[in-house]
PDB file of N, CA and C in Angstrom:
ATOM      1  N   UNK A   1       1.038   8.449  10.547  1.00  0.00           N
ATOM      2  CA  UNK A   1       1.663   7.729   9.457  1.00  0.00           C
ATOM      3  C   UNK A   1       0.989   6.365   9.316  1.00  0.00           C
ATOM      4  N   UNK A   2       0.745   6.003   8.074  1.00  0.00           N
ATOM      5  CA  UNK A   2       0.030   4.772   7.767  1.00  0.00           C
ATOM      6  C   UNK A   2       0.992   3.743   7.180  1.00  0.00           C
ATOM      7  N   UNK A   3       0.892   2.499   7.648  1.00  0.00           N
ATOM      8  CA  UNK A   3       1.707   1.417   7.108  1.00  0.00           C
ATOM      9  C   UNK A   3       1.239   1.103   5.694  1.00  0.00           C
ATOM     10  N   UNK A   4       2.169   1.107   4.755  1.00  0.00           N
ATOM     11  CA  UNK A   4       1.825   0.820   3.367  1.00  0.00           C
ATOM     12  C   UNK A   4       2.245  -0.590   2.967  1.00  0.00           C
ATOM     13  N   UNK A   5       3.219  -1.161   3.676  1.00  0.00           N
ATOM     14  CA  UNK A   5       3.715  -2.494   3.338  1.00  0.00           C
ATOM     15  C   UNK A   5       4.281  -3.136   4.585  1.00  0.00           C
ATOM     16  N   UNK A   6       4.084  -4.435   4.725  1.00  0.00           N
ATOM     17  CA  UNK A   6       4.568  -5.168   5.885  1.00  0.00           C
ATOM     18  C   UNK A   6       5.131  -6.510   5.435  1.00  0.00           C
ATOM     19  N   UNK A   7       6.272  -6.896   6.006  1.00  0.00           N
ATOM     20  CA  UNK A   7       6.920  -8.145   5.617  1.00  0.00           C
ATOM     21  C   UNK A   7       7.971  -8.533   6.652  1.00  0.00           C
ATOM     22  N   UNK A   8       8.348  -9.810   6.662  1.00  0.00           N
ATOM     23  CA  UNK A   8       9.469 -10.259   7.486  1.00  0.00           C
ATOM     24  C   UNK A   8      10.783 -10.213   6.705  1.00  0.00           C
ATOM     25  N   UNK A   9      10.711  -9.925   5.415  1.00  0.00           N
ATOM     26  CA  UNK A   9      11.882  -9.921   4.544  1.00  0.00           C
ATOM     27  C   UNK A   9      12.561  -8.556   4.576  1.00  0.00           C
ATOM     28  N   UNK A  10      13.659  -8.482   5.293  1.00  0.00           N
ATOM     29  CA  UNK A  10      14.391  -7.227   5.474  1.00  0.00           C
ATOM     30  C   UNK A  10      14.883  -6.648   4.150  1.00  0.00           C
ATOM     31  N   UNK A  11      15.399  -7.484   3.284  1.00  0.00           N
ATOM     32  CA  UNK A  11      15.918  -7.015   1.996  1.00  0.00           C
ATOM     33  C   UNK A  11      14.799  -6.420   1.147  1.00  0.00           C
ATOM     34  N   UNK A  12      13.669  -7.105   1.112  1.00  0.00           N
ATOM     35  CA  UNK A  12      12.532  -6.634   0.329  1.00  0.00           C
ATOM     36  C   UNK A  12      12.039  -5.268   0.819  1.00  0.00           C
ATOM     37  N   UNK A  13      11.919  -5.105   2.125  1.00  0.00           N
ATOM     38  CA  UNK A  13      11.427  -3.847   2.689  1.00  0.00           C
ATOM     39  C   UNK A  13      12.419  -2.718   2.436  1.00  0.00           C
ATOM     40  N   UNK A  14      13.702  -2.988   2.598  1.00  0.00           N
ATOM     41  CA  UNK A  14      14.705  -1.945   2.346  1.00  0.00           C
ATOM     42  C   UNK A  14      14.765  -1.578   0.866  1.00  0.00           C
ATOM     43  N   UNK A  15      14.601  -2.551  -0.010  1.00  0.00           N
ATOM     44  CA  UNK A  15      14.583  -2.249  -1.445  1.00  0.00           C
ATOM     45  C   UNK A  15      13.391  -1.352  -1.784  1.00  0.00           C
ATOM     46  N   UNK A  16      12.241  -1.687  -1.240  1.00  0.00           N
ATOM     47  CA  UNK A  16      11.053  -0.870  -1.482  1.00  0.00           C
ATOM     48  C   UNK A  16      11.229   0.531  -0.910  1.00  0.00           C
ATOM     49  N   UNK A  17      11.833   0.629   0.256  1.00  0.00           N
ATOM     50  CA  UNK A  17      12.109   1.948   0.852  1.00  0.00           C
ATOM     51  C   UNK A  17      13.011   2.762  -0.081  1.00  0.00           C
ATOM     52  N   UNK A  18      14.027   2.130  -0.637  1.00  0.00           N
ATOM     53  CA  UNK A  18      14.922   2.821  -1.568  1.00  0.00           C
ATOM     54  C   UNK A  18      14.178   3.281  -2.819  1.00  0.00           C
ATOM     55  N   UNK A  19      13.265   2.447  -3.330  1.00  0.00           N
ATOM     56  CA  UNK A  19      12.457   2.852  -4.481  1.00  0.00           C
ATOM     57  C   UNK A  19      11.620   4.084  -4.155  1.00  0.00           C
ATOM     58  N   UNK A  20      10.999   4.072  -2.992  1.00  0.00           N
ATOM     59  CA  UNK A  20      10.181   5.217  -2.574  1.00  0.00           C
ATOM     60  C   UNK A  20      11.033   6.470  -2.451  1.00  0.00           C
ATOM     61  N   UNK A  21      12.169   6.346  -1.779  1.00  0.00           N
ATOM     62  CA  UNK A  21      13.015   7.513  -1.560  1.00  0.00           C
ATOM     63  C   UNK A  21      13.565   8.066  -2.869  1.00  0.00           C
ATOM     64  N   UNK A  22      13.877   7.190  -3.820  1.00  0.00           N
ATOM     65  CA  UNK A  22      14.374   7.678  -5.107  1.00  0.00           C
ATOM     66  C   UNK A  22      13.279   8.403  -5.888  1.00  0.00           C
ATOM     67  N   UNK A  23      12.012   8.146  -5.532  1.00  0.00           N
ATOM     68  CA  UNK A  23      10.883   8.849  -6.158  1.00  0.00           C
ATOM     69  C   UNK A  23      10.483  10.081  -5.348  1.00  0.00           C
ATOM     70  N   UNK A  24      11.257  10.403  -4.309  1.00  0.00           N
ATOM     71  CA  UNK A  24      10.974  11.583  -3.500  1.00  0.00           C
ATOM     72  C   UNK A  24       9.930  11.363  -2.420  1.00  0.00           C
ATOM     73  N   UNK A  25       9.641  10.107  -2.110  1.00  0.00           N
ATOM     74  CA  UNK A  25       8.634   9.780  -1.088  1.00  0.00           C
ATOM     75  C   UNK A  25       9.355   9.490   0.221  1.00  0.00           C
ATOM     76  N   UNK A  26       9.108  10.332   1.220  1.00  0.00           N
ATOM     77  CA  UNK A  26       9.736  10.133   2.528  1.00  0.00           C
ATOM     78  C   UNK A  26       9.033   9.006   3.264  1.00  0.00           C
ATOM     79  N   UNK A  27       9.830   8.050   3.755  1.00  0.00           N
ATOM     80  CA  UNK A  27       9.260   6.908   4.459  1.00  0.00           C
ATOM     81  C   UNK A  27      10.265   6.397   5.483  1.00  0.00           C
ATOM     82  N   UNK A  28       9.795   5.509   6.332  1.00  0.00           N
ATOM     83  CA  UNK A  28      10.678   4.892   7.323  1.00  0.00           C
ATOM     84  C   UNK A  28      10.216   3.475   7.599  1.00  0.00           C
ATOM     85  N   UNK A  29      11.113   2.711   8.213  1.00  0.00           N
ATOM     86  CA  UNK A  29      10.814   1.319   8.544  1.00  0.00           C
ATOM     87  C   UNK A  29      10.650   1.198  10.050  1.00  0.00           C
ATOM     88  N   UNK A  30       9.559   0.570  10.450  1.00  0.00           N
ATOM     89  CA  UNK A  30       9.317   0.279  11.871  1.00  0.00           C
ATOM     90  C   UNK A  30       9.608  -1.195  12.136  1.00  0.00           C
ATOM     91  N   UNK A  31       9.904  -1.503  13.384  1.00  0.00           N
ATOM     92  CA  UNK A  31      10.078  -2.876  13.884  1.00  0.00           C
ATOM     93  C   UNK A  31      11.349  -3.564  13.392  1.00  0.00           C
ATOM     94  N   UNK A  32      12.378  -2.828  13.015  1.00  0.00           N
ATOM     95  CA  UNK A  32      13.607  -3.481  12.551  1.00  0.00           C
ATOM     96  C   UNK A  32      14.236  -4.357  13.632  1.00  0.00           C
ATOM     97  N   UNK A  33      14.107  -3.980  14.876  1.00  0.00           N
ATOM     98  CA  UNK A  33      14.658  -4.805  15.948  1.00  0.00           C
ATOM     99  C   UNK A  33      13.743  -5.971  16.296  1.00  0.00           C
ATOM    100  N   UNK A  34      12.448  -5.781  16.155  1.00  0.00           N
ATOM    101  CA  UNK A  34      11.492  -6.837  16.513  1.00  0.00           C
ATOM    102  C   UNK A  34      11.456  -7.980  15.512  1.00  0.00           C
ATOM    103  N   UNK A  35      11.825  -7.744  14.263  1.00  0.00           N
ATOM    104  CA  UNK A  35      11.728  -8.773  13.238  1.00  0.00           C
ATOM    105  C   UNK A  35      12.562 -10.004  13.596  1.00  0.00           C
ATOM    106  N   UNK A  36      13.579  -9.831  14.386  1.00  0.00           N
ATOM    107  CA  UNK A  36      14.419 -10.956  14.817  1.00  0.00           C
ATOM    108  C   UNK A  36      13.662 -11.934  15.715  1.00  0.00           C
ATOM    109  N   UNK A  37      12.538 -11.498  16.245  1.00  0.00           N
ATOM    110  CA  UNK A  37      11.752 -12.339  17.147  1.00  0.00           C
ATOM    111  C   UNK A  37      10.677 -13.149  16.426  1.00  0.00           C
ATOM    112  N   UNK A  38      10.673 -13.086  15.104  1.00  0.00           N
ATOM    113  CA  UNK A  38       9.659 -13.816  14.339  1.00  0.00           C
ATOM    114  C   UNK A  38       9.692 -15.286  14.716  1.00  0.00           C
ATOM    115  N   UNK A  39       8.538 -15.829  15.000  1.00  0.00           N
ATOM    116  CA  UNK A  39       8.417 -17.209  15.449  1.00  0.00           C
ATOM    117  C   UNK A  39       8.185 -17.283  16.940  1.00  0.00           C
ATOM    118  N   UNK A  40       8.779 -16.354  17.668  1.00  0.00           N
ATOM    119  CA  UNK A  40       8.561 -16.283  19.109  1.00  0.00           C
ATOM    120  C   UNK A  40       7.454 -15.286  19.439  1.00  0.00           C
ATOM    121  N   UNK A  41       7.304 -14.325  18.554  1.00  0.00           N
ATOM    122  CA  UNK A  41       6.279 -13.287  18.689  1.00  0.00           C
ATOM    123  C   UNK A  41       5.398 -13.395  17.448  1.00  0.00           C
ATOM    124  N   UNK A  42       4.082 -13.224  17.573  1.00  0.00           N
ATOM    125  CA  UNK A  42       3.213 -13.307  16.395  1.00  0.00           C
ATOM    126  C   UNK A  42       3.651 -12.351  15.278  1.00  0.00           C
ATOM    127  N   UNK A  43       3.518 -12.825  14.054  1.00  0.00           N
ATOM    128  CA  UNK A  43       3.939 -12.070  12.872  1.00  0.00           C
ATOM    129  C   UNK A  43       3.443 -10.630  12.855  1.00  0.00           C
ATOM    130  N   UNK A  44       2.144 -10.376  13.074  1.00  0.00           N
ATOM    131  CA  UNK A  44       1.676  -8.983  12.988  1.00  0.00           C
ATOM    132  C   UNK A  44       2.365  -8.035  13.972  1.00  0.00           C
ATOM    133  N   UNK A  45       2.883  -8.577  15.045  1.00  0.00           N
ATOM    134  CA  UNK A  45       3.517  -7.725  16.051  1.00  0.00           C
ATOM    135  C   UNK A  45       4.991  -7.453  15.765  1.00  0.00           C
ATOM    136  N   UNK A  46       5.644  -8.322  14.978  1.00  0.00           N
ATOM    137  CA  UNK A  46       7.081  -8.148  14.779  1.00  0.00           C
ATOM    138  C   UNK A  46       7.470  -7.902  13.325  1.00  0.00           C
ATOM    139  N   UNK A  47       6.530  -7.926  12.412  1.00  0.00           N
ATOM    140  CA  UNK A  47       6.857  -7.719  10.999  1.00  0.00           C
ATOM    141  C   UNK A  47       7.371  -6.304  10.759  1.00  0.00           C
ATOM    142  N   UNK A  48       8.270  -6.183   9.803  1.00  0.00           N
ATOM    143  CA  UNK A  48       8.741  -4.868   9.390  1.00  0.00           C
ATOM    144  C   UNK A  48       7.574  -4.123   8.769  1.00  0.00           C
ATOM    145  N   UNK A  49       7.491  -2.848   9.047  1.00  0.00           N
ATOM    146  CA  UNK A  49       6.424  -2.020   8.499  1.00  0.00           C
ATOM    147  C   UNK A  49       7.056  -0.822   7.802  1.00  0.00           C
ATOM    148  N   UNK A  50       6.696  -0.645   6.548  1.00  0.00           N
ATOM    149  CA  UNK A  50       7.144   0.523   5.801  1.00  0.00           C
ATOM    150  C   UNK A  50       6.026   1.549   5.860  1.00  0.00           C
ATOM    151  N   UNK A  51       6.351   2.711   6.396  1.00  0.00           N
ATOM    152  CA  UNK A  51       5.340   3.761   6.547  1.00  0.00           C
ATOM    153  C   UNK A  51       5.745   4.993   5.743  1.00  0.00           C
ATOM    154  N   UNK A  52       4.758   5.605   5.107  1.00  0.00           N
ATOM    155  CA  UNK A  52       4.964   6.834   4.342  1.00  0.00           C
ATOM    156  C   UNK A  52       4.696   8.000   5.276  1.00  0.00           C
ATOM    157  N   UNK A  53       5.620   8.949   5.325  1.00  0.00           N
ATOM    158  CA  UNK A  53       5.536  10.038   6.298  1.00  0.00           C
ATOM    159  C   UNK A  53       4.518  11.116   5.935  1.00  0.00           C
ATOM    160  N   UNK A  54       4.361  11.401   4.641  1.00  0.00           N
ATOM    161  CA  UNK A  54       3.430  12.457   4.224  1.00  0.00           C
ATOM    162  C   UNK A  54       2.188  11.843   3.584  1.00  0.00           C
ATOM    163  N   UNK A  55       1.039  12.238   4.072  1.00  0.00           N
ATOM    164  CA  UNK A  55      -0.229  11.720   3.560  1.00  0.00           C
ATOM    165  C   UNK A  55      -0.368  11.934   2.057  1.00  0.00           C
ATOM    166  N   UNK A  56       0.093  13.062   1.557  1.00  0.00           N
ATOM    167  CA  UNK A  56      -0.011  13.368   0.136  1.00  0.00           C
ATOM    168  C   UNK A  56       0.810  12.462  -0.768  1.00  0.00           C
ATOM    169  N   UNK A  57       1.760  11.729  -0.198  1.00  0.00           N
ATOM    170  CA  UNK A  57       2.598  10.816  -0.973  1.00  0.00           C
ATOM    171  C   UNK A  57       1.982   9.429  -1.138  1.00  0.00           C
ATOM    172  N   UNK A  58       0.870   9.176  -0.443  1.00  0.00           N
ATOM    173  CA  UNK A  58       0.279   7.832  -0.477  1.00  0.00           C
ATOM    174  C   UNK A  58      -0.124   7.366  -1.877  1.00  0.00           C
ATOM    175  N   UNK A  59      -0.764   8.185  -2.706  1.00  0.00           N
ATOM    176  CA  UNK A  59      -1.118   7.694  -4.048  1.00  0.00           C
ATOM    177  C   UNK A  59       0.107   7.264  -4.865  1.00  0.00           C
ATOM    178  N   UNK A  60       1.152   8.056  -4.828  1.00  0.00           N
ATOM    179  CA  UNK A  60       2.368   7.708  -5.575  1.00  0.00           C
ATOM    180  C   UNK A  60       3.030   6.462  -4.988  1.00  0.00           C
ATOM    181  N   UNK A  61       3.037   6.362  -3.666  1.00  0.00           N
ATOM    182  CA  UNK A  61       3.621   5.192  -3.006  1.00  0.00           C
ATOM    183  C   UNK A  61       2.831   3.929  -3.343  1.00  0.00           C
ATOM    184  N   UNK A  62       1.512   4.030  -3.357  1.00  0.00           N
ATOM    185  CA  UNK A  62       0.681   2.874  -3.688  1.00  0.00           C
ATOM    186  C   UNK A  62       0.893   2.440  -5.131  1.00  0.00           C
ATOM    187  N   UNK A  63       1.084   3.396  -6.043  1.00  0.00           N
ATOM    188  CA  UNK A  63       1.353   3.058  -7.443  1.00  0.00           C
ATOM    189  C   UNK A  63       2.696   2.338  -7.575  1.00  0.00           C
ATOM    190  N   UNK A  64       3.720   2.827  -6.884  1.00  0.00           N
ATOM    191  CA  UNK A  64       5.025   2.158  -6.898  1.00  0.00           C
ATOM    192  C   UNK A  64       4.932   0.768  -6.287  1.00  0.00           C
ATOM    193  N   UNK A  65       4.168   0.642  -5.217  1.00  0.00           N
ATOM    194  CA  UNK A  65       4.004  -0.649  -4.561  1.00  0.00           C
ATOM    195  C   UNK A  65       3.318  -1.653  -5.495  1.00  0.00           C
ATOM    196  N   UNK A  66       2.279  -1.211  -6.199  1.00  0.00           N
ATOM    197  CA  UNK A  66       1.598  -2.105  -7.150  1.00  0.00           C
ATOM    198  C   UNK A  66       2.574  -2.591  -8.221  1.00  0.00           C
ATOM    199  N   UNK A  67       3.386  -1.695  -8.726  1.00  0.00           N
ATOM    200  CA  UNK A  67       4.375  -2.065  -9.749  1.00  0.00           C
ATOM    201  C   UNK A  67       5.401  -3.037  -9.172  1.00  0.00           C
ATOM    202  N   UNK A  68       5.829  -2.790  -7.939  1.00  0.00           N
ATOM    203  CA  UNK A  68       6.807  -3.642  -7.269  1.00  0.00           C
ATOM    204  C   UNK A  68       6.254  -5.055  -7.067  1.00  0.00           C
ATOM    205  N   UNK A  69       4.990  -5.164  -6.719  1.00  0.00           N
ATOM    206  CA  UNK A  69       4.378  -6.457  -6.427  1.00  0.00           C
ATOM    207  C   UNK A  69       3.859  -7.188  -7.662  1.00  0.00           C
ATOM    208  N   UNK A  70       3.807  -6.489  -8.792  1.00  0.00           N
ATOM    209  CA  UNK A  70       3.302  -7.103 -10.025  1.00  0.00           C
ATOM    210  C   UNK A  70       4.235  -8.223 -10.473  1.00  0.00           C
ATOM    211  N   UNK A  71       3.675  -9.390 -10.759  1.00  0.00           N
ATOM    212  CA  UNK A  71       4.526 -10.505 -11.214  1.00  0.00           C
ATOM    213  C   UNK A  71       5.260 -10.143 -12.506  1.00  0.00           C
ATOM    214  N   UNK A  72       6.505 -10.515 -12.566  1.00  0.00           N
ATOM    215  CA  UNK A  72       7.315 -10.230 -13.745  1.00  0.00           C
ATOM    216  C   UNK A  72       7.444 -11.486 -14.593  1.00  0.00           C
ATOM    217  N   UNK A  73       7.248 -11.346 -15.874  1.00  0.00           N
ATOM    218  CA  UNK A  73       7.421 -12.452 -16.801  1.00  0.00           C
ATOM    219  C   UNK A  73       8.916 -12.623 -17.051  1.00  0.00           C
ATOM    220  N   UNK A  74       9.424 -13.797 -16.794  1.00  0.00           N
ATOM    221  CA  UNK A  74      10.850 -14.039 -16.963  1.00  0.00           C
ATOM    222  C   UNK A  74      11.148 -15.056 -18.069  1.00  0.00           C
ATOM    223  N   UNK A  75      10.118 -15.661 -18.615  1.00  0.00           N
ATOM    224  CA  UNK A  75      10.338 -16.685 -19.621  1.00  0.00           C
ATOM    225  C   UNK A  75      10.735 -16.056 -20.951  1.00  0.00           C
ATOM    226  N   UNK A  76      11.967 -16.269 -21.347  1.00  0.00           N
ATOM    227  CA  UNK A  76      12.462 -15.792 -22.633  1.00  0.00           C
ATOM    228  C   UNK A  76      13.060 -17.009 -23.337  1.00  0.00           C
ATOM    229  N   UNK A  77      12.803 -17.133 -24.613  1.00  0.00           N
ATOM    230  CA  UNK A  77      13.276 -18.291 -25.371  1.00  0.00           C
ATOM    231  C   UNK A  77      14.803 -18.324 -25.435  1.00  0.00           C
ATOM    232  N   UNK A  78      15.357 -19.545 -25.406  1.00  0.00           N
ATOM    233  CA  UNK A  78      16.804 -19.678 -25.606  1.00  0.00           C
ATOM    234  C   UNK A  78      17.184 -19.151 -26.992  1.00  0.00           C
ATOM    235  N   UNK A  79      18.442 -18.777 -27.144  1.00  0.00           N
ATOM    236  CA  UNK A  79      18.915 -18.257 -28.416  1.00  0.00           C
ATOM    237  C   UNK A  79      20.271 -18.850 -28.751  1.00  0.00           C
ATOM    238  N   UNK A  80      20.685 -18.699 -29.998  1.00  0.00           N
ATOM    239  CA  UNK A  80      21.965 -19.224 -30.458  1.00  0.00           C
ATOM    240  C   UNK A  80      22.872 -18.043 -30.786  1.00  0.00           C
ATOM    241  N   UNK A  81      24.085 -18.093 -30.254  1.00  0.00           N
ATOM    242  CA  UNK A  81      25.050 -17.011 -30.478  1.00  0.00           C
ATOM    243  C   UNK A  81      25.340 -16.887 -31.974  1.00  0.00           C
ATOM    244  N   UNK A  82      25.199 -15.680 -32.534  1.00  0.00           N
ATOM    245  CA  UNK A  82      25.459 -15.502 -33.966  1.00  0.00           C
ATOM    246  C   UNK A  82      26.952 -15.601 -34.310  1.00  0.00           C
ATOM    247  N   UNK A  83      27.832 -15.469 -33.302  1.00  0.00           N
ATOM    248  CA  UNK A  83      29.274 -15.494 -33.567  1.00  0.00           C
ATOM    249  C   UNK A  83      29.868 -16.898 -33.517  1.00  0.00           C
ATOM    250  N   UNK A  84      29.473 -17.692 -32.469  1.00  0.00           N
ATOM    251  CA  UNK A  84      30.088 -19.016 -32.314  1.00  0.00           C
ATOM    252  C   UNK A  84      29.085 -20.167 -32.387  1.00  0.00           C
ATOM    253  N   UNK A  85      27.777 -19.851 -32.391  1.00  0.00           N
ATOM    254  CA  UNK A  85      26.757 -20.887 -32.512  1.00  0.00           C
ATOM    255  C   UNK A  85      26.369 -21.570 -31.213  1.00  0.00           C
ATOM    256  N   UNK A  86      26.924 -21.118 -30.093  1.00  0.00           N
ATOM    257  CA  UNK A  86      26.613 -21.726 -28.786  1.00  0.00           C
ATOM    258  C   UNK A  86      25.148 -21.481 -28.415  1.00  0.00           C
ATOM    259  N   UNK A  87      24.488 -22.492 -27.817  1.00  0.00           N
ATOM    260  CA  UNK A  87      23.107 -22.345 -27.324  1.00  0.00           C
ATOM    261  C   UNK A  87      23.156 -21.640 -25.972  1.00  0.00           C
ATOM    262  N   UNK A  88      22.383 -20.560 -25.830  1.00  0.00           N
ATOM    263  CA  UNK A  88      22.392 -19.729 -24.627  1.00  0.00           C
ATOM    264  C   UNK A  88      20.979 -19.660 -24.055  1.00  0.00           C
ATOM    265  N   UNK A  89      20.875 -19.717 -22.726  1.00  0.00           N
ATOM    266  CA  UNK A  89      19.570 -19.579 -22.077  1.00  0.00           C
ATOM    267  C   UNK A  89      19.014 -18.175 -22.320  1.00  0.00           C
ATOM    268  N   UNK A  90      17.690 -18.074 -22.372  1.00  0.00           N
ATOM    269  CA  UNK A  90      17.008 -16.853 -22.772  1.00  0.00           C
ATOM    270  C   UNK A  90      17.247 -15.618 -21.932  1.00  0.00           C
ATOM    271  N   UNK A  91      17.550 -15.775 -20.642  1.00  0.00           N
ATOM    272  CA  UNK A  91      17.691 -14.596 -19.787  1.00  0.00           C
ATOM    273  C   UNK A  91      19.009 -13.855 -20.006  1.00  0.00           C
ATOM    274  N   UNK A  92      19.952 -14.480 -20.733  1.00  0.00           N
ATOM    275  CA  UNK A  92      21.252 -13.855 -20.949  1.00  0.00           C
ATOM    276  C   UNK A  92      21.271 -13.042 -22.238  1.00  0.00           C
ATOM    277  N   UNK A  93      22.028 -11.945 -22.226  1.00  0.00           N
ATOM    278  CA  UNK A  93      22.121 -11.081 -23.397  1.00  0.00           C
ATOM    279  C   UNK A  93      23.480 -11.153 -24.077  1.00  0.00           C
ATOM    280  N   UNK A  94      24.391 -11.959 -23.521  1.00  0.00           N
ATOM    281  CA  UNK A  94      25.707 -12.153 -24.130  1.00  0.00           C
ATOM    282  C   UNK A  94      26.090 -13.624 -24.027  1.00  0.00           C
ATOM    283  N   UNK A  95      26.880 -14.068 -24.956  1.00  0.00           N
ATOM    284  CA  UNK A  95      27.334 -15.455 -24.991  1.00  0.00           C
ATOM    285  C   UNK A  95      28.381 -15.697 -23.912  1.00  0.00           C
ATOM    286  N   UNK A  96      28.210 -16.770 -23.166  1.00  0.00           N
ATOM    287  CA  UNK A  96      29.170 -17.088 -22.103  1.00  0.00           C
ATOM    288  C   UNK A  96      30.488 -17.587 -22.685  1.00  0.00           C
ATOM    289  N   UNK A  97      30.456 -18.124 -23.887  1.00  0.00           N
ATOM    290  CA  UNK A  97      31.636 -18.743 -24.482  1.00  0.00           C
ATOM    291  C   UNK A  97      32.556 -17.727 -25.178  1.00  0.00           C
ATOM    292  N   UNK A  98      31.949 -16.863 -26.008  1.00  0.00           N
ATOM    293  CA  UNK A  98      32.787 -15.934 -26.784  1.00  0.00           C
ATOM    294  C   UNK A  98      32.525 -14.463 -26.476  1.00  0.00           C
ATOM    295  N   UNK A  99      31.456 -14.180 -25.690  1.00  0.00           N
ATOM    296  CA  UNK A  99      31.137 -12.801 -25.349  1.00  0.00           C
ATOM    297  C   UNK A  99      30.303 -12.093 -26.398  1.00  0.00           C
ATOM    298  N   UNK A 100      29.913 -12.806 -27.433  1.00  0.00           N
ATOM    299  CA  UNK A 100      29.104 -12.209 -28.488  1.00  0.00           C
ATOM    300  C   UNK A 100      27.767 -11.729 -27.952  1.00  0.00           C
ATOM    301  N   UNK A 101      27.320 -10.592 -28.441  1.00  0.00           N
ATOM    302  CA  UNK A 101      26.065  -9.999 -27.966  1.00  0.00           C
ATOM    303  C   UNK A 101      24.874 -10.599 -28.692  1.00  0.00           C
ATOM    304  N   UNK A 102      23.805 -10.745 -27.958  1.00  0.00           N
ATOM    305  CA  UNK A 102      22.546 -11.173 -28.552  1.00  0.00           C
ATOM    306  C   UNK A 102      22.073 -10.050 -29.474  1.00  0.00           C
ATOM    307  N   UNK A 103      21.694 -10.364 -30.679  1.00  0.00           N
ATOM    308  CA  UNK A 103      21.325  -9.332 -31.650  1.00  0.00           C
ATOM    309  C   UNK A 103      20.100  -8.549 -31.244  1.00  0.00           C
ATOM    310  N   UNK A 104      19.161  -9.180 -30.560  1.00  0.00           N
ATOM    311  CA  UNK A 104      17.952  -8.487 -30.107  1.00  0.00           C
ATOM    312  C   UNK A 104      17.972  -8.269 -28.599  1.00  0.00           C
ATOM    313  N   UNK A 105      19.162  -8.034 -28.011  1.00  0.00           N
ATOM    314  CA  UNK A 105      19.309  -7.936 -26.550  1.00  0.00           C
ATOM    315  C   UNK A 105      18.459  -6.843 -25.950  1.00  0.00           C
ATOM    316  N   UNK A 106      18.383  -5.679 -26.576  1.00  0.00           N
ATOM    317  CA  UNK A 106      17.609  -4.571 -26.013  1.00  0.00           C
ATOM    318  C   UNK A 106      16.135  -4.911 -26.026  1.00  0.00           C
ATOM    319  N   UNK A 107      15.633  -5.384 -27.152  1.00  0.00           N
ATOM    320  CA  UNK A 107      14.195  -5.674 -27.215  1.00  0.00           C
ATOM    321  C   UNK A 107      13.840  -6.865 -26.335  1.00  0.00           C
ATOM    322  N   UNK A 108      14.728  -7.836 -26.194  1.00  0.00           N
ATOM    323  CA  UNK A 108      14.440  -8.989 -25.343  1.00  0.00           C
ATOM    324  C   UNK A 108      14.380  -8.574 -23.873  1.00  0.00           C
ATOM    325  N   UNK A 109      15.238  -7.646 -23.470  1.00  0.00           N
ATOM    326  CA  UNK A 109      15.252  -7.206 -22.071  1.00  0.00           C
ATOM    327  C   UNK A 109      14.021  -6.383 -21.735  1.00  0.00           C
ATOM    328  N   UNK A 110      13.452  -5.717 -22.727  1.00  0.00           N
ATOM    329  CA  UNK A 110      12.310  -4.846 -22.459  1.00  0.00           C
ATOM    330  C   UNK A 110      10.981  -5.573 -22.548  1.00  0.00           C
ATOM    331  N   UNK A 111      10.971  -6.817 -23.046  1.00  0.00           N
ATOM    332  CA  UNK A 111       9.706  -7.546 -23.151  1.00  0.00           C
ATOM    333  C   UNK A 111       9.145  -7.873 -21.794  1.00  0.00           C
ATOM    334  N   UNK A 112       7.803  -7.770 -21.643  1.00  0.00           N
ATOM    335  CA  UNK A 112       7.201  -8.133 -20.355  1.00  0.00           C
ATOM    336  C   UNK A 112       7.234  -9.613 -20.129  1.00  0.00           C
TER     337      UNK A 112
END
């Protein structure tokens, strides 16, 4: 089994494992107990390692990993609620004041 991803971030590794498993890629995490020693033990020796169990799954796992690591654009322009006129930050799709929906909420959420 080959390590496909390594990190000290437990949440990140478990999230990636869940993504792989939901795509039918069997994998496991190594060093879950050793990660607690980070700082006392060199990083390469105690980092969490996500390994893919089947060699044939590596191309699909690498594609998912590339997508996971790709920077996401989060900058969306602020908008004004069409119902009450409140100014709302761009990442939100509903008005905090009246609950009015952003008119272009679907297209705004899908923009890169």
